[in-house]
Amino acid sequence: MAKRVNYIYNKKPKFEIPKNNKQRPAFILYAMKKSYEVDVARSELNYVTQPKNIKTGKPIIRMRRLNEHRAGAMRAMVPAMLYHFNIVSQIVQASVEQLSDECGLSTISSSGNKSISRASRLITEFMEPMGFVVSEKKWDKIIGNYMPKMISLTPLFFKLFDVSEEKINSAKKQQLAWINRNLIKKGIKPISLIEAKFKSQEVRLQSILNYRKSQHFFHIRKKKAQNIFSLDEKTARQKILKLIVEKYSLNELSEMGLDGLRKKVNIQYYYLKKIAKENYSDSNI
């Protein structure tokens, strides 16, 4: 068997702030700065904390430190998680795939398939057993499988770069005060920290549901488009023509005329051609 050479893509990953950079609370900027000042992958916590099986709660024997590839992934992922952290809900408002992309940990195979396993394994095989994060899976009725995990950061996560629980609680109170000021301006009754936490969690869950729903229907359209473009051009255009004719009434088709009908076939042909080739992440449809 041939020996694998340079099997790790991007040996020095780094979190890149998204292009649609949003203003972050002072606490988030402070925590991110602290995380860059230390080597979170070589924190003392990584050696003294006893990892546990997240299903059984039983200790996991871990004899050695993180290898350099996983350490590099952790150094990138920690500030990425902080950037997307919601102080009140304690949830990272980004999927593992988004975090992986922004940290340069995602890979694309020669066949065009994306892999986020490097980021995913860091979370499930290290950060979660160590108690730095907690993840929750919910069943998606639309797709028929589990939705992307909702990841919460624990107080132990912040201890990696010496941010105390008192500092976190203070930030929560400040964020809640900001939320309530805005609610009062709108004539809405102020809410408690618990209410704000549940509300933030609901918003995050709804955004995941909306994304999955749009993604699901995009892939249905893409599959239909690819089926049409598996035919030769003449047959594909005839199929599109048939679909258009079925869509309109006789009066509408009469008003459209042959030129109008040909134009609609051309528009639909190139529209479906675009969908057939497009990835969901690139789509504005």
C-alpha atoms as a PDB file:
ATOM      1  CA  MET A   1       0.000   0.000   0.000  1.00  0.00           C
ATOM      2  CA  ALA A   2       1.348   3.415  -0.957  1.00  0.00           C
ATOM      3  CA  LYS A   3       2.366   5.623   1.929  1.00  0.00           C
ATOM      4  CA  ARG A   4       0.225   8.712   2.437  1.00  0.00           C
ATOM      5  CA  VAL A   5       2.172  11.923   2.023  1.00  0.00           C
ATOM      6  CA  ASN A   6       0.949  15.331   3.263  1.00  0.00           C
ATOM      7  CA  TYR A   7      -2.434  13.809   4.118  1.00  0.00           C
ATOM      8  CA  ILE A   8      -3.453  16.820   6.221  1.00  0.00           C
ATOM      9  CA  TYR A   9      -4.784  19.728   4.181  1.00  0.00           C
ATOM     10  CA  ASN A  10      -3.912  23.189   5.550  1.00  0.00           C
ATOM     11  CA  LYS A  11      -1.494  22.337   8.345  1.00  0.00           C
ATOM     12  CA  LYS A  12      -1.804  25.839   9.840  1.00  0.00           C
ATOM     13  CA  PRO A  13      -5.522  26.661   9.806  1.00  0.00           C
ATOM     14  CA  LYS A  14      -6.655  30.096  10.905  1.00  0.00           C
ATOM     15  CA  PHE A  15     -10.062  31.580  11.636  1.00  0.00           C
ATOM     16  CA  GLU A  16     -11.032  34.180   9.044  1.00  0.00           C
ATOM     17  CA  ILE A  17     -13.755  36.622  10.088  1.00  0.00           C
ATOM     18  CA  PRO A  18     -16.694  36.307   7.637  1.00  0.00           C
ATOM     19  CA  LYS A  19     -17.041  38.906   4.887  1.00  0.00           C
ATOM     20  CA  ASN A  20     -20.391  39.999   6.345  1.00  0.00           C
ATOM     21  CA  ASN A  21     -18.541  40.933   9.538  1.00  0.00           C
ATOM     22  CA  LYS A  22     -21.063  41.888  12.221  1.00  0.00           C
ATOM     23  CA  GLN A  23     -20.425  44.117  15.225  1.00  0.00           C
ATOM     24  CA  ARG A  24     -19.668  41.926  18.224  1.00  0.00           C
ATOM     25  CA  PRO A  25     -20.240  42.766  21.913  1.00  0.00           C
ATOM     26  CA  ALA A  26     -17.234  43.997  23.918  1.00  0.00           C
ATOM     27  CA  PHE A  27     -17.103  40.731  25.873  1.00  0.00           C
ATOM     28  CA  ILE A  28     -16.741  38.684  22.674  1.00  0.00           C
ATOM     29  CA  LEU A  29     -13.886  40.889  21.431  1.00  0.00           C
ATOM     30  CA  TYR A  30     -12.232  40.654  24.862  1.00  0.00           C
ATOM     31  CA  ALA A  31     -12.543  36.832  24.957  1.00  0.00           C
ATOM     32  CA  MET A  32     -11.231  36.477  21.396  1.00  0.00           C
ATOM     33  CA  LYS A  33      -8.219  38.643  22.266  1.00  0.00           C
ATOM     34  CA  LYS A  34      -7.523  36.507  25.344  1.00  0.00           C
ATOM     35  CA  SER A  35      -7.758  33.303  23.284  1.00  0.00           C
ATOM     36  CA  TYR A  36      -5.084  34.592  20.895  1.00  0.00           C
ATOM     37  CA  GLU A  37      -2.736  35.483  23.737  1.00  0.00           C
ATOM     38  CA  VAL A  38      -2.294  31.871  24.891  1.00  0.00           C
ATOM     39  CA  ASP A  39      -1.879  28.501  23.219  1.00  0.00           C
ATOM     40  CA  VAL A  40      -5.302  26.983  23.919  1.00  0.00           C
ATOM     41  CA  ALA A  41      -4.203  23.641  22.466  1.00  0.00           C
ATOM     42  CA  ARG A  42      -1.456  23.345  25.107  1.00  0.00           C
ATOM     43  CA  SER A  43      -3.461  24.670  28.053  1.00  0.00           C
ATOM     44  CA  GLU A  44      -2.862  22.926  31.363  1.00  0.00           C
ATOM     45  CA  LEU A  45      -6.566  22.015  31.340  1.00  0.00           C
ATOM     46  CA  ASN A  46      -5.921  19.692  28.413  1.00  0.00           C
ATOM     47  CA  TYR A  47      -3.653  17.594  30.626  1.00  0.00           C
ATOM     48  CA  VAL A  48      -5.419  17.688  34.003  1.00  0.00           C
ATOM     49  CA  THR A  49      -9.053  17.386  32.835  1.00  0.00           C
ATOM     50  CA  GLN A  50     -10.421  13.833  32.679  1.00  0.00           C
ATOM     51  CA  PRO A  51     -12.346  13.323  29.426  1.00  0.00           C
ATOM     52  CA  LYS A  52     -15.615  11.402  29.674  1.00  0.00           C
ATOM     53  CA  ASN A  53     -17.724   9.378  27.291  1.00  0.00           C
ATOM     54  CA  ILE A  54     -20.589  11.760  26.482  1.00  0.00           C
ATOM     55  CA  LYS A  55     -23.117   8.902  26.343  1.00  0.00           C
ATOM     56  CA  THR A  56     -22.117   6.870  29.401  1.00  0.00           C
ATOM     57  CA  GLY A  57     -20.312   9.482  31.486  1.00  0.00           C
ATOM     58  CA  LYS A  58     -17.474   7.023  32.092  1.00  0.00           C
ATOM     59  CA  PRO A  59     -13.870   8.313  32.082  1.00  0.00           C
ATOM     60  CA  ILE A  60     -11.850   7.941  28.886  1.00  0.00           C
ATOM     61  CA  ILE A  61      -8.199   7.018  29.275  1.00  0.00           C
ATOM     62  CA  ARG A  62      -6.146   9.574  27.406  1.00  0.00           C
ATOM     63  CA  MET A  63      -2.396   9.103  27.592  1.00  0.00           C
ATOM     64  CA  ARG A  64      -0.955  11.645  25.192  1.00  0.00           C
ATOM     65  CA  ARG A  65      -1.328  15.272  24.235  1.00  0.00           C
ATOM     66  CA  LEU A  66      -3.118  16.529  21.121  1.00  0.00           C
ATOM     67  CA  ASN A  67      -1.158  15.854  17.956  1.00  0.00           C
ATOM     68  CA  GLU A  68      -0.079  18.998  16.140  1.00  0.00           C
ATOM     69  CA  HIS A  69      -2.734  18.684  13.416  1.00  0.00           C
ATOM     70  CA  ARG A  70      -5.599  18.566  15.921  1.00  0.00           C
ATOM     71  CA  ALA A  71      -3.903  21.241  18.044  1.00  0.00           C
ATOM     72  CA  GLY A  72      -3.822  23.511  14.990  1.00  0.00           C
ATOM     73  CA  ALA A  73      -7.507  22.880  14.368  1.00  0.00           C
ATOM     74  CA  MET A  74      -8.306  23.769  17.980  1.00  0.00           C
ATOM     75  CA  ARG A  75      -6.335  27.027  17.829  1.00  0.00           C
ATOM     76  CA  ALA A  76      -8.489  28.087  14.863  1.00  0.00           C
ATOM     77  CA  MET A  77     -11.809  26.790  16.187  1.00  0.00           C
ATOM     78  CA  VAL A  78     -11.725  28.467  19.608  1.00  0.00           C
ATOM     79  CA  PRO A  79     -11.837  32.096  18.318  1.00  0.00           C
ATOM     80  CA  ALA A  80     -14.322  31.033  15.613  1.00  0.00           C
ATOM     81  CA  MET A  81     -16.687  29.666  18.244  1.00  0.00           C
ATOM     82  CA  LEU A  82     -16.253  32.817  20.314  1.00  0.00           C
ATOM     83  CA  TYR A  83     -17.014  35.070  17.339  1.00  0.00           C
ATOM     84  CA  HIS A  84     -20.350  33.314  16.815  1.00  0.00           C
ATOM     85  CA  PHE A  85     -21.122  32.935  20.544  1.00  0.00           C
ATOM     86  CA  ASN A  86     -24.430  34.261  21.874  1.00  0.00           C
ATOM     87  CA  ILE A  87     -23.744  35.456  25.413  1.00  0.00           C
ATOM     88  CA  VAL A  88     -27.294  34.996  26.693  1.00  0.00           C
ATOM     89  CA  SER A  89     -28.133  31.595  25.171  1.00  0.00           C
ATOM     90  CA  GLN A  90     -24.526  30.303  25.432  1.00  0.00           C
ATOM     91  CA  ILE A  91     -24.991  28.845  21.927  1.00  0.00           C
ATOM     92  CA  VAL A  92     -22.531  29.095  19.052  1.00  0.00           C
ATOM     93  CA  GLN A  93     -24.720  30.537  16.318  1.00  0.00           C
ATOM     94  CA  ALA A  94     -22.937  28.769  13.483  1.00  0.00           C
ATOM     95  CA  SER A  95     -22.950  25.194  12.219  1.00  0.00           C
ATOM     96  CA  VAL A  96     -19.909  22.929  12.346  1.00  0.00           C
ATOM     97  CA  GLU A  97     -19.733  23.266   8.557  1.00  0.00           C
ATOM     98  CA  GLN A  98     -19.637  27.069   8.759  1.00  0.00           C
ATOM     99  CA  LEU A  99     -16.970  26.968  11.471  1.00  0.00           C
ATOM    100  CA  SER A 100     -14.962  24.461   9.413  1.00  0.00           C
ATOM    101  CA  ASP A 101     -15.154  26.665   6.310  1.00  0.00           C
ATOM    102  CA  GLU A 102     -14.150  29.833   8.177  1.00  0.00           C
ATOM    103  CA  CYS A 103     -11.177  28.066   9.783  1.00  0.00           C
ATOM    104  CA  GLY A 104      -9.901  26.556   6.534  1.00  0.00           C
ATOM    105  CA  LEU A 105     -10.526  23.038   7.824  1.00  0.00           C
ATOM    106  CA  SER A 106     -12.945  21.925   5.096  1.00  0.00           C
ATOM    107  CA  THR A 107     -11.677  19.889   2.169  1.00  0.00           C
ATOM    108  CA  ILE A 108     -13.122  19.180  -1.271  1.00  0.00           C
ATOM    109  CA  SER A 109     -12.504  15.804  -2.905  1.00  0.00           C
ATOM    110  CA  SER A 110     -11.688  15.366  -6.596  1.00  0.00           C
ATOM    111  CA  SER A 111     -15.341  14.366  -7.098  1.00  0.00           C
ATOM    112  CA  GLY A 112     -16.498  17.653  -5.549  1.00  0.00           C
ATOM    113  CA  ASN A 113     -17.665  16.348  -2.163  1.00  0.00           C
ATOM    114  CA  LYS A 114     -16.986  18.503   0.875  1.00  0.00           C
ATOM    115  CA  SER A 115     -15.563  16.997   4.077  1.00  0.00           C
ATOM    116  CA  ILE A 116     -15.723  18.731   7.468  1.00  0.00           C
ATOM    117  CA  SER A 117     -14.493  15.686   9.390  1.00  0.00           C
ATOM    118  CA  ARG A 118     -11.413  17.449  10.791  1.00  0.00           C
ATOM    119  CA  ALA A 119     -13.574  20.043  12.555  1.00  0.00           C
ATOM    120  CA  SER A 120     -16.293  17.552  13.449  1.00  0.00           C
ATOM    121  CA  ARG A 121     -13.891  15.072  15.028  1.00  0.00           C
ATOM    122  CA  LEU A 122     -12.189  17.828  17.042  1.00  0.00           C
ATOM    123  CA  ILE A 123     -15.557  18.605  18.640  1.00  0.00           C
ATOM    124  CA  THR A 124     -16.940  15.078  19.117  1.00  0.00           C
ATOM    125  CA  GLU A 125     -13.680  13.301  19.980  1.00  0.00           C
ATOM    126  CA  PHE A 126     -11.993  15.963  22.095  1.00  0.00           C
ATOM    127  CA  MET A 127     -13.779  19.205  22.992  1.00  0.00           C
ATOM    128  CA  GLU A 128     -17.043  17.543  24.020  1.00  0.00           C
ATOM    129  CA  PRO A 129     -15.536  14.652  26.048  1.00  0.00           C
ATOM    130  CA  MET A 130     -13.286  17.182  27.780  1.00  0.00           C
ATOM    131  CA  GLY A 131     -16.319  19.255  28.797  1.00  0.00           C
ATOM    132  CA  PHE A 132     -15.381  22.381  26.818  1.00  0.00           C
ATOM    133  CA  VAL A 133     -18.556  22.236  24.729  1.00  0.00           C
ATOM    134  CA  VAL A 134     -21.955  20.552  24.872  1.00  0.00           C
ATOM    135  CA  SER A 135     -23.807  19.683  21.695  1.00  0.00           C
ATOM    136  CA  GLU A 136     -27.458  18.892  21.135  1.00  0.00           C
ATOM    137  CA  LYS A 137     -28.984  17.055  18.186  1.00  0.00           C
ATOM    138  CA  LYS A 138     -32.596  17.449  17.063  1.00  0.00           C
ATOM    139  CA  TRP A 139     -34.471  15.369  14.497  1.00  0.00           C
ATOM    140  CA  ASP A 140     -35.342  17.141  11.245  1.00  0.00           C
ATOM    141  CA  LYS A 141     -38.719  15.941   9.940  1.00  0.00           C
ATOM    142  CA  ILE A 142     -38.154  17.562   6.532  1.00  0.00           C
ATOM    143  CA  ILE A 143     -34.882  15.836   5.699  1.00  0.00           C
ATOM    144  CA  GLY A 144     -35.508  12.725   7.773  1.00  0.00           C
ATOM    145  CA  ASN A 145     -32.276  12.889   9.778  1.00  0.00           C
ATOM    146  CA  TYR A 146     -30.593  14.928  12.497  1.00  0.00           C
ATOM    147  CA  MET A 147     -30.118  18.668  12.083  1.00  0.00           C
ATOM    148  CA  PRO A 148     -26.697  20.273  12.506  1.00  0.00           C
ATOM    149  CA  LYS A 149     -25.745  20.212  16.180  1.00  0.00           C
ATOM    150  CA  MET A 150     -26.390  23.207  18.391  1.00  0.00           C
ATOM    151  CA  ILE A 151     -23.130  23.774  20.254  1.00  0.00           C
ATOM    152  CA  SER A 152     -22.987  25.441  23.672  1.00  0.00           C
ATOM    153  CA  LEU A 153     -19.774  26.698  25.287  1.00  0.00           C
ATOM    154  CA  THR A 154     -19.224  25.774  28.941  1.00  0.00           C
ATOM    155  CA  PRO A 155     -17.428  27.818  31.644  1.00  0.00           C
ATOM    156  CA  LEU A 156     -14.525  25.350  31.311  1.00  0.00           C
ATOM    157  CA  PHE A 157     -14.101  26.443  27.671  1.00  0.00           C
ATOM    158  CA  PHE A 158     -13.418  30.008  28.833  1.00  0.00           C
ATOM    159  CA  LYS A 159     -10.906  28.819  31.406  1.00  0.00           C
ATOM    160  CA  LEU A 160      -8.701  27.711  28.496  1.00  0.00           C
ATOM    161  CA  PHE A 161      -7.748  31.385  28.131  1.00  0.00           C
ATOM    162  CA  ASP A 162      -8.366  32.544  31.713  1.00  0.00           C
ATOM    163  CA  VAL A 163     -11.808  34.135  31.462  1.00  0.00           C
ATOM    164  CA  SER A 164     -13.648  33.568  34.741  1.00  0.00           C
ATOM    165  CA  GLU A 165     -17.258  32.518  35.233  1.00  0.00           C
ATOM    166  CA  GLU A 166     -17.819  35.817  37.046  1.00  0.00           C
ATOM    167  CA  LYS A 167     -16.775  37.683  33.900  1.00  0.00           C
ATOM    168  CA  ILE A 168     -19.183  35.585  31.819  1.00  0.00           C
ATOM    169  CA  ASN A 169     -22.080  36.224  34.213  1.00  0.00           C
ATOM    170  CA  SER A 170     -21.333  39.944  34.201  1.00  0.00           C
ATOM    171  CA  ALA A 171     -21.405  39.915  30.379  1.00  0.00           C
ATOM    172  CA  LYS A 172     -24.762  38.085  30.441  1.00  0.00           C
ATOM    173  CA  LYS A 173     -26.259  40.773  32.687  1.00  0.00           C
ATOM    174  CA  GLN A 174     -24.942  43.550  30.441  1.00  0.00           C
ATOM    175  CA  GLN A 175     -26.305  41.829  27.335  1.00  0.00           C
ATOM    176  CA  LEU A 176     -29.692  41.284  29.014  1.00  0.00           C
ATOM    177  CA  ALA A 177     -29.822  44.969  29.985  1.00  0.00           C
ATOM    178  CA  TRP A 178     -29.141  45.901  26.335  1.00  0.00           C
ATOM    179  CA  ILE A 179     -31.906  43.527  25.140  1.00  0.00           C
ATOM    180  CA  ASN A 180     -34.395  44.955  27.633  1.00  0.00           C
ATOM    181  CA  ARG A 181     -33.574  48.573  26.727  1.00  0.00           C
ATOM    182  CA  ASN A 182     -34.490  47.772  23.133  1.00  0.00           C
ATOM    183  CA  LEU A 183     -37.672  45.954  24.202  1.00  0.00           C
ATOM    184  CA  ILE A 184     -38.760  48.895  26.378  1.00  0.00           C
ATOM    185  CA  LYS A 185     -38.207  51.290  23.450  1.00  0.00           C
ATOM    186  CA  LYS A 186     -40.642  49.133  21.457  1.00  0.00           C
ATOM    187  CA  GLY A 187     -43.155  49.149  24.303  1.00  0.00           C
ATOM    188  CA  ILE A 188     -42.503  45.497  25.172  1.00  0.00           C
ATOM    189  CA  LYS A 189     -42.188  44.187  28.707  1.00  0.00           C
ATOM    190  CA  PRO A 190     -38.606  43.358  29.834  1.00  0.00           C
ATOM    191  CA  ILE A 191     -37.661  39.677  30.059  1.00  0.00           C
ATOM    192  CA  SER A 192     -35.604  37.612  32.486  1.00  0.00           C
ATOM    193  CA  LEU A 193     -32.274  35.972  31.730  1.00  0.00           C
ATOM    194  CA  ILE A 194     -33.966  32.551  31.496  1.00  0.00           C
ATOM    195  CA  GLU A 195     -36.584  33.906  29.072  1.00  0.00           C
ATOM    196  CA  ALA A 196     -33.884  35.568  26.972  1.00  0.00           C
ATOM    197  CA  LYS A 197     -31.895  32.324  26.888  1.00  0.00           C
ATOM    198  CA  PHE A 198     -34.865  30.285  25.655  1.00  0.00           C
ATOM    199  CA  LYS A 199     -35.794  32.979  23.127  1.00  0.00           C
ATOM    200  CA  SER A 200     -32.249  33.002  21.701  1.00  0.00           C
ATOM    201  CA  GLN A 201     -32.267  29.211  21.498  1.00  0.00           C
ATOM    202  CA  GLU A 202     -35.612  29.283  19.663  1.00  0.00           C
ATOM    203  CA  VAL A 203     -34.277  31.842  17.173  1.00  0.00           C
ATOM    204  CA  ARG A 204     -31.199  29.698  16.504  1.00  0.00           C
ATOM    205  CA  LEU A 205     -33.298  26.554  16.076  1.00  0.00           C
ATOM    206  CA  GLN A 206     -35.658  28.345  13.698  1.00  0.00           C
ATOM    207  CA  SER A 207     -32.749  29.625  11.599  1.00  0.00           C
ATOM    208  CA  ILE A 208     -31.451  26.046  11.304  1.00  0.00           C
ATOM    209  CA  LEU A 209     -34.922  24.809  10.312  1.00  0.00           C
ATOM    210  CA  ASN A 210     -35.302  27.560   7.702  1.00  0.00           C
ATOM    211  CA  TYR A 211     -31.870  26.816   6.262  1.00  0.00           C
ATOM    212  CA  ARG A 212     -32.519  23.075   6.117  1.00  0.00           C
ATOM    213  CA  LYS A 213     -35.917  23.597   4.522  1.00  0.00           C
ATOM    214  CA  SER A 214     -34.548  25.893   1.799  1.00  0.00           C
ATOM    215  CA  GLN A 215     -31.582  23.558   1.296  1.00  0.00           C
ATOM    216  CA  HIS A 216     -33.917  20.569   0.961  1.00  0.00           C
ATOM    217  CA  PHE A 217     -36.104  22.233  -1.669  1.00  0.00           C
ATOM    218  CA  PHE A 218     -33.057  23.518  -3.547  1.00  0.00           C
ATOM    219  CA  HIS A 219     -31.704  19.973  -3.829  1.00  0.00           C
ATOM    220  CA  ILE A 220     -35.104  18.743  -5.077  1.00  0.00           C
ATOM    221  CA  ARG A 221     -35.017  21.424  -7.814  1.00  0.00           C
ATOM    222  CA  LYS A 222     -31.395  20.628  -8.594  1.00  0.00           C
ATOM    223  CA  LYS A 223     -32.138  16.913  -9.001  1.00  0.00           C
ATOM    224  CA  LYS A 224     -35.037  17.676 -11.358  1.00  0.00           C
ATOM    225  CA  ALA A 225     -32.829  20.048 -13.351  1.00  0.00           C
ATOM    226  CA  GLN A 226     -30.058  17.447 -13.586  1.00  0.00           C
ATOM    227  CA  ASN A 227     -32.574  14.869 -14.811  1.00  0.00           C
ATOM    228  CA  ILE A 228     -33.585  17.212 -17.606  1.00  0.00           C
ATOM    229  CA  PHE A 229     -29.966  17.950 -18.540  1.00  0.00           C
ATOM    230  CA  SER A 230     -29.117  14.269 -18.677  1.00  0.00           C
ATOM    231  CA  LEU A 231     -31.087  14.396 -21.964  1.00  0.00           C
ATOM    232  CA  ASP A 232     -29.796  15.872 -25.225  1.00  0.00           C
ATOM    233  CA  GLU A 233     -30.591  19.575 -25.742  1.00  0.00           C
ATOM    234  CA  LYS A 234     -33.474  19.037 -28.173  1.00  0.00           C
ATOM    235  CA  THR A 235     -35.234  16.567 -25.864  1.00  0.00           C
ATOM    236  CA  ALA A 236     -34.553  18.779 -22.835  1.00  0.00           C
ATOM    237  CA  ARG A 237     -36.136  21.779 -24.556  1.00  0.00           C
ATOM    238  CA  GLN A 238     -39.160  19.699 -25.581  1.00  0.00           C
ATOM    239  CA  LYS A 239     -39.612  18.573 -21.986  1.00  0.00           C
ATOM    240  CA  ILE A 240     -39.401  22.182 -20.763  1.00  0.00           C
ATOM    241  CA  LEU A 241     -41.910  23.241 -23.443  1.00  0.00           C
ATOM    242  CA  LYS A 242     -44.325  20.550 -22.273  1.00  0.00           C
ATOM    243  CA  LEU A 243     -44.022  21.720 -18.665  1.00  0.00           C
ATOM    244  CA  ILE A 244     -44.680  25.341 -19.689  1.00  0.00           C
ATOM    245  CA  VAL A 245     -47.702  24.414 -21.798  1.00  0.00           C
ATOM    246  CA  GLU A 246     -49.162  22.482 -18.835  1.00  0.00           C
ATOM    247  CA  LYS A 247     -48.650  25.519 -16.587  1.00  0.00           C
ATOM    248  CA  TYR A 248     -50.633  28.071 -18.657  1.00  0.00           C
ATOM    249  CA  SER A 249     -54.226  28.225 -19.895  1.00  0.00           C
ATOM    250  CA  LEU A 250     -55.113  28.245 -23.609  1.00  0.00           C
ATOM    251  CA  ASN A 251     -55.912  31.974 -23.464  1.00  0.00           C
ATOM    252  CA  GLU A 252     -52.530  32.746 -21.843  1.00  0.00           C
ATOM    253  CA  LEU A 253     -50.690  30.625 -24.417  1.00  0.00           C
ATOM    254  CA  SER A 254     -52.583  32.369 -27.236  1.00  0.00           C
ATOM    255  CA  GLU A 255     -51.629  35.814 -25.897  1.00  0.00           C
ATOM    256  CA  MET A 256     -48.026  34.655 -25.481  1.00  0.00           C
ATOM    257  CA  GLY A 257     -47.688  33.538 -29.081  1.00  0.00           C
ATOM    258  CA  LEU A 258     -44.901  31.387 -30.539  1.00  0.00           C
ATOM    259  CA  ASP A 259     -42.198  34.003 -29.967  1.00  0.00           C
ATOM    260  CA  GLY A 260     -43.202  34.475 -26.342  1.00  0.00           C
ATOM    261  CA  LEU A 261     -43.294  30.711 -25.803  1.00  0.00           C
ATOM    262  CA  ARG A 262     -39.817  30.266 -27.328  1.00  0.00           C
ATOM    263  CA  LYS A 263     -38.527  33.042 -25.079  1.00  0.00           C
ATOM    264  CA  LYS A 264     -39.927  31.336 -21.979  1.00  0.00           C
ATOM    265  CA  VAL A 265     -38.368  28.022 -23.018  1.00  0.00           C
ATOM    266  CA  ASN A 266     -34.969  29.745 -23.442  1.00  0.00           C
ATOM    267  CA  ILE A 267     -35.221  31.500 -20.073  1.00  0.00           C
ATOM    268  CA  GLN A 268     -36.250  28.293 -18.284  1.00  0.00           C
ATOM    269  CA  TYR A 269     -33.571  26.278 -20.088  1.00  0.00           C
ATOM    270  CA  TYR A 270     -30.718  28.510 -18.896  1.00  0.00           C
ATOM    271  CA  TYR A 271     -32.267  28.890 -15.445  1.00  0.00           C
ATOM    272  CA  LEU A 272     -32.400  25.104 -14.995  1.00  0.00           C
ATOM    273  CA  LYS A 273     -28.901  24.782 -16.441  1.00  0.00           C
ATOM    274  CA  LYS A 274     -27.648  27.145 -13.727  1.00  0.00           C
ATOM    275  CA  ILE A 275     -29.405  25.172 -10.976  1.00  0.00           C
ATOM    276  CA  ALA A 276     -28.066  21.851 -12.286  1.00  0.00           C
ATOM    277  CA  LYS A 277     -24.478  23.089 -11.897  1.00  0.00           C
ATOM    278  CA  GLU A 278     -24.815  25.231  -8.791  1.00  0.00           C
ATOM    279  CA  ASN A 279     -23.948  24.367  -5.188  1.00  0.00           C
ATOM    280  CA  TYR A 280     -26.412  25.381  -2.492  1.00  0.00           C
ATOM    281  CA  SER A 281     -23.862  27.552  -0.663  1.00  0.00           C
ATOM    282  CA  ASP A 282     -23.342  29.563  -3.877  1.00  0.00           C
ATOM    283  CA  SER A 283     -27.023  29.906  -4.667  1.00  0.00           C
ATOM    284  CA  ASN A 284     -28.990  33.123  -4.491  1.00  0.00           C
ATOM    285  CA  ILE A 285     -32.107  31.451  -5.840  1.00  0.00           C
END
